[in-house]
C-alpha atoms as a PDB file:
ATOM      1  CA  MET A   1      96.470 102.142 107.703  1.00  0.00           C
ATOM      2  CA  LEU A   2      99.184 104.472 109.436  1.00  0.00           C
ATOM      3  CA  HIS A   3      97.942 107.910 110.255  1.00  0.00           C
ATOM      4  CA  GLY A   4      99.010 111.420 110.506  1.00  0.00           C
ATOM      5  CA  LEU A   5     101.750 111.167 108.165  1.00  0.00           C
ATOM      6  CA  ASP A   6     100.741 113.457 105.420  1.00  0.00           C
ATOM      7  CA  GLY A   7     102.375 117.027 105.296  1.00  0.00           C
ATOM      8  CA  LEU A   8     105.107 116.258 107.983  1.00  0.00           C
ATOM      9  CA  ASP A   9     108.036 118.894 107.385  1.00  0.00           C
ATOM     10  CA  GLY A  10     110.809 116.573 108.222  1.00  0.00           C
ATOM     11  CA  ILE A  11     111.840 118.218 111.745  1.00  0.00           C
ATOM     12  CA  GLY A  12     112.467 116.116 114.917  1.00  0.00           C
ATOM     13  CA  ASP A  13     114.940 113.480 116.210  1.00  0.00           C
ATOM     14  CA  LEU A  14     112.705 110.320 115.793  1.00  0.00           C
ATOM     15  CA  ARG A  15     113.178 108.453 112.571  1.00  0.00           C
ATOM     16  CA  LEU A  16     110.485 106.525 111.374  1.00  0.00           C
ATOM     17  CA  ASP A  17     111.471 103.916 108.564  1.00  0.00           C
ATOM     18  CA  LEU A  18     108.926 102.594 106.137  1.00  0.00           C
ATOM     19  CA  GLY A  19     110.891 100.800 103.323  1.00  0.00           C
ATOM     20  CA  ASP A  20     112.234 103.240 101.057  1.00  0.00           C
ATOM     21  CA  ASP A  21     110.479 106.121 103.015  1.00  0.00           C
ATOM     22  CA  GLN A  22     112.007 108.295 105.925  1.00  0.00           C
ATOM     23  CA  PHE A  23     110.093 110.595 108.114  1.00  0.00           C
ATOM     24  CA  HIS A  24     111.256 112.678 111.434  1.00  0.00           C
ATOM     25  CA  LEU A  25     109.135 113.010 114.248  1.00  0.00           C
ATOM     26  CA  GLU A  26     108.516 115.475 116.462  1.00  0.00           C
ATOM     27  CA  GLY A  27     110.268 113.168 119.621  1.00  0.00           C
ATOM     28  CA  GLY A  28     113.365 112.054 120.653  1.00  0.00           C
ATOM     29  CA  PRO A  29     114.764 108.796 121.684  1.00  0.00           C
ATOM     30  CA  GLY A  30     112.822 106.727 124.018  1.00  0.00           C
ATOM     31  CA  GLU A  31     109.584 108.707 123.382  1.00  0.00           C
ATOM     32  CA  THR A  32     106.492 108.057 121.890  1.00  0.00           C
ATOM     33  CA  VAL A  33     104.634 110.697 118.883  1.00  0.00           C
ATOM     34  CA  THR A  34     100.936 110.193 118.271  1.00  0.00           C
ATOM     35  CA  LEU A  35      99.708 111.534 115.134  1.00  0.00           C
ATOM     36  CA  ALA A  36      95.924 111.586 113.862  1.00  0.00           C
ATOM     37  CA  ASP A  37      93.684 112.433 110.568  1.00  0.00           C
ATOM     38  CA  ALA A  38      90.247 111.846 109.356  1.00  0.00           C
ATOM     39  CA  GLY A  39      91.075 108.131 108.908  1.00  0.00           C
ATOM     40  CA  GLY A  40      92.015 107.368 112.896  1.00  0.00           C
ATOM     41  CA  THR A  41      95.401 107.645 115.140  1.00  0.00           C
ATOM     42  CA  THR A  42      98.551 105.868 115.169  1.00  0.00           C
ATOM     43  CA  VAL A  43     101.164 106.009 117.835  1.00  0.00           C
ATOM     44  CA  TYR A  44     104.553 105.736 116.795  1.00  0.00           C
ATOM     45  CA  ALA A  45     107.003 104.228 119.667  1.00  0.00           C
ATOM     46  CA  ASP A  46     110.725 103.993 120.009  1.00  0.00           C
ATOM     47  CA  LEU A  47     111.132 101.360 122.796  1.00  0.00           C
ATOM     48  CA  ASP A  48     114.156 100.677 122.800  1.00  0.00           C
ATOM     49  CA  GLY A  49     115.456 104.363 123.034  1.00  0.00           C
ATOM     50  CA  ASP A  50     118.014 104.468 120.004  1.00  0.00           C
ATOM     51  CA  GLY A  51     116.068 106.787 118.108  1.00  0.00           C
ATOM     52  CA  VAL A  52     114.074 104.712 115.332  1.00  0.00           C
ATOM     53  CA  VAL A  53     110.753 104.181 115.701  1.00  0.00           C
ATOM     54  CA  ASP A  54     110.240 100.151 116.467  1.00  0.00           C
ATOM     55  CA  HIS A  55     106.748  99.889 117.427  1.00  0.00           C
ATOM     56  CA  ILE A  56     103.522 101.482 115.589  1.00  0.00           C
ATOM     57  CA  SER A  57     100.058 100.847 116.856  1.00  0.00           C
ATOM     58  CA  SER A  58      97.022 102.508 114.570  1.00  0.00           C
ATOM     59  CA  LEU A  59      93.458 102.447 115.725  1.00  0.00           C
ATOM     60  CA  HIS A  60      91.450 103.554 112.841  1.00  0.00           C
ATOM     61  CA  ALA A  61      88.071 105.443 112.384  1.00  0.00           C
ATOM     62  CA  ASP A  62      85.991 102.352 111.754  1.00  0.00           C
ATOM     63  CA  GLY A  63      86.784 100.605 114.831  1.00  0.00           C
ATOM     64  CA  GLY A  64      89.760  98.447 113.506  1.00  0.00           C
ATOM     65  CA  PHE A  65      93.090  98.668 114.636  1.00  0.00           C
ATOM     66  CA  ASP A  66      96.622  97.283 113.625  1.00  0.00           C
ATOM     67  CA  VAL A  67     100.087  96.893 115.784  1.00  0.00           C
ATOM     68  CA  PHE A  68     103.250  96.708 114.203  1.00  0.00           C
ATOM     69  CA  THR A  69     106.758  95.959 115.309  1.00  0.00           C
ATOM     70  CA  ALA A  70     110.578  96.053 113.661  1.00  0.00           C
ATOM     71  CA  ASP A  71     111.565  93.052 115.815  1.00  0.00           C
ATOM     72  CA  PRO A  72     108.783  91.356 117.532  1.00  0.00           C
ATOM     73  CA  HIS A  73     111.151  89.173 119.781  1.00  0.00           C
ATOM     74  CA  ARG A  74     112.020  92.011 121.596  1.00  0.00           C
ATOM     75  CA  ALA A  75     109.850  95.087 120.922  1.00  0.00           C
ATOM     76  CA  ALA A  76     106.646  93.498 120.894  1.00  0.00           C
ATOM     77  CA  TRP A  77     107.351  92.776 124.813  1.00  0.00           C
ATOM     78  CA  GLY A  78     109.194  96.275 125.772  1.00  0.00           C
ATOM     79  CA  LEU A  79     112.206  93.849 126.897  1.00  0.00           C
ATOM     80  CA  ALA A  80     115.015  96.044 127.894  1.00  0.00           C
ATOM     81  CA  VAL A  81     117.678  95.811 124.957  1.00  0.00           C
ATOM     82  CA  PRO A  82     121.336  94.384 126.086  1.00  0.00           C
ATOM     83  CA  ASP A  83     124.831  95.931 124.489  1.00  0.00           C
ATOM     84  CA  PRO A  84     125.346  95.701 121.866  1.00  0.00           C
ATOM     85  CA  VAL A  85     122.350  95.679 119.585  1.00  0.00           C
ATOM     86  CA  ARG A  86     122.644  93.586 116.436  1.00  0.00           C
ATOM     87  CA  THR A  87     124.128  95.372 113.517  1.00  0.00           C
ATOM     88  CA  PRO A  88     121.626  96.375 110.352  1.00  0.00           C
ATOM     89  CA  ALA A  89     123.918  94.060 108.403  1.00  0.00           C
ATOM     90  CA  GLU A  90     122.884  90.821 110.359  1.00  0.00           C
ATOM     91  CA  GLU A  91     119.916  89.032 109.250  1.00  0.00           C
ATOM     92  CA  PRO A  92     116.972  89.673 111.928  1.00  0.00           C
ATOM     93  CA  LEU A  93     115.719  86.702 113.723  1.00  0.00           C
ATOM     94  CA  SER A  94     112.856  85.159 112.800  1.00  0.00           C
ATOM     95  CA  TRP A  95     112.293  81.577 114.775  1.00  0.00           C
ATOM     96  CA  GLY A  96     110.383  80.708 111.309  1.00  0.00           C
ATOM     97  CA  LEU A  97     107.420  83.322 111.568  1.00  0.00           C
ATOM     98  CA  GLY A  98     107.011  85.269 108.400  1.00  0.00           C
ATOM     99  CA  PRO A  99     105.342  88.965 108.660  1.00  0.00           C
ATOM    100  CA  GLU A 100     101.380  88.906 107.574  1.00  0.00           C
ATOM    101  CA  THR A 101     101.689  92.550 106.685  1.00  0.00           C
ATOM    102  CA  THR A 102     103.794  95.546 106.900  1.00  0.00           C
ATOM    103  CA  PRO A 103     103.115  99.256 107.378  1.00  0.00           C
ATOM    104  CA  GLU A 104     105.250  99.950 104.203  1.00  0.00           C
ATOM    105  CA  LYS A 105     104.071 102.610 101.907  1.00  0.00           C
ATOM    106  CA  VAL A 106     105.923 101.646  98.575  1.00  0.00           C
ATOM    107  CA  THR A 107     104.159  99.375  96.552  1.00  0.00           C
ATOM    108  CA  ASP A 108     105.530  95.849  95.812  1.00  0.00           C
ATOM    109  CA  GLY A 109     107.924  95.542  92.659  1.00  0.00           C
ATOM    110  CA  PRO A 110     111.244  94.133  91.806  1.00  0.00           C
ATOM    111  CA  GLY A 111     113.610  93.552  94.735  1.00  0.00           C
ATOM    112  CA  LYS A 112     110.568  94.834  97.397  1.00  0.00           C
ATOM    113  CA  THR A 113     109.505  91.995  99.592  1.00  0.00           C
ATOM    114  CA  LEU A 114     107.366  93.157 102.479  1.00  0.00           C
ATOM    115  CA  GLU A 115     110.033  90.952 104.797  1.00  0.00           C
ATOM    116  CA  LYS A 116     112.892  93.575 103.276  1.00  0.00           C
ATOM    117  CA  ALA A 117     111.007  96.642 105.483  1.00  0.00           C
ATOM    118  CA  GLY A 118     111.433  95.214 108.308  1.00  0.00           C
ATOM    119  CA  TRP A 119     107.896  95.573 110.013  1.00  0.00           C
ATOM    120  CA  HIS A 120     105.478  92.468 111.138  1.00  0.00           C
ATOM    121  CA  ARG A 121     101.923  92.831 111.921  1.00  0.00           C
ATOM    122  CA  ILE A 122     101.801  91.101 115.568  1.00  0.00           C
ATOM    123  CA  GLU A 123      98.394  91.788 115.958  1.00  0.00           C
ATOM    124  CA  HIS A 124      94.879  93.622 114.120  1.00  0.00           C
ATOM    125  CA  GLY A 125      91.396  93.474 114.656  1.00  0.00           C
END
């Protein structure tokens, strides 16, 4: 589903949070990083410039694609983020829409749900 993450050395200023896993990509706040492997190519983007990936687009070798966002109401549209941004302690806005899936790398188990990962698939094909 996500490509190019295997073998990363943890050096970089752009952070990617996937459930309990955290990766550091070679990029900075407000930048994008493109990684590829035999399964396809994934673009990891920080649309709001806070140094944390909030938008993921993957193109798979079989021609399929997935687009994920950490905030479908802001990041999906590339909108500017007004200050202050909501704090992690606040509940995310859902507008009654549940995520279809998530790029979470951990398996489901007690206490782990797709919503807790914070990722929403907004497009696929």
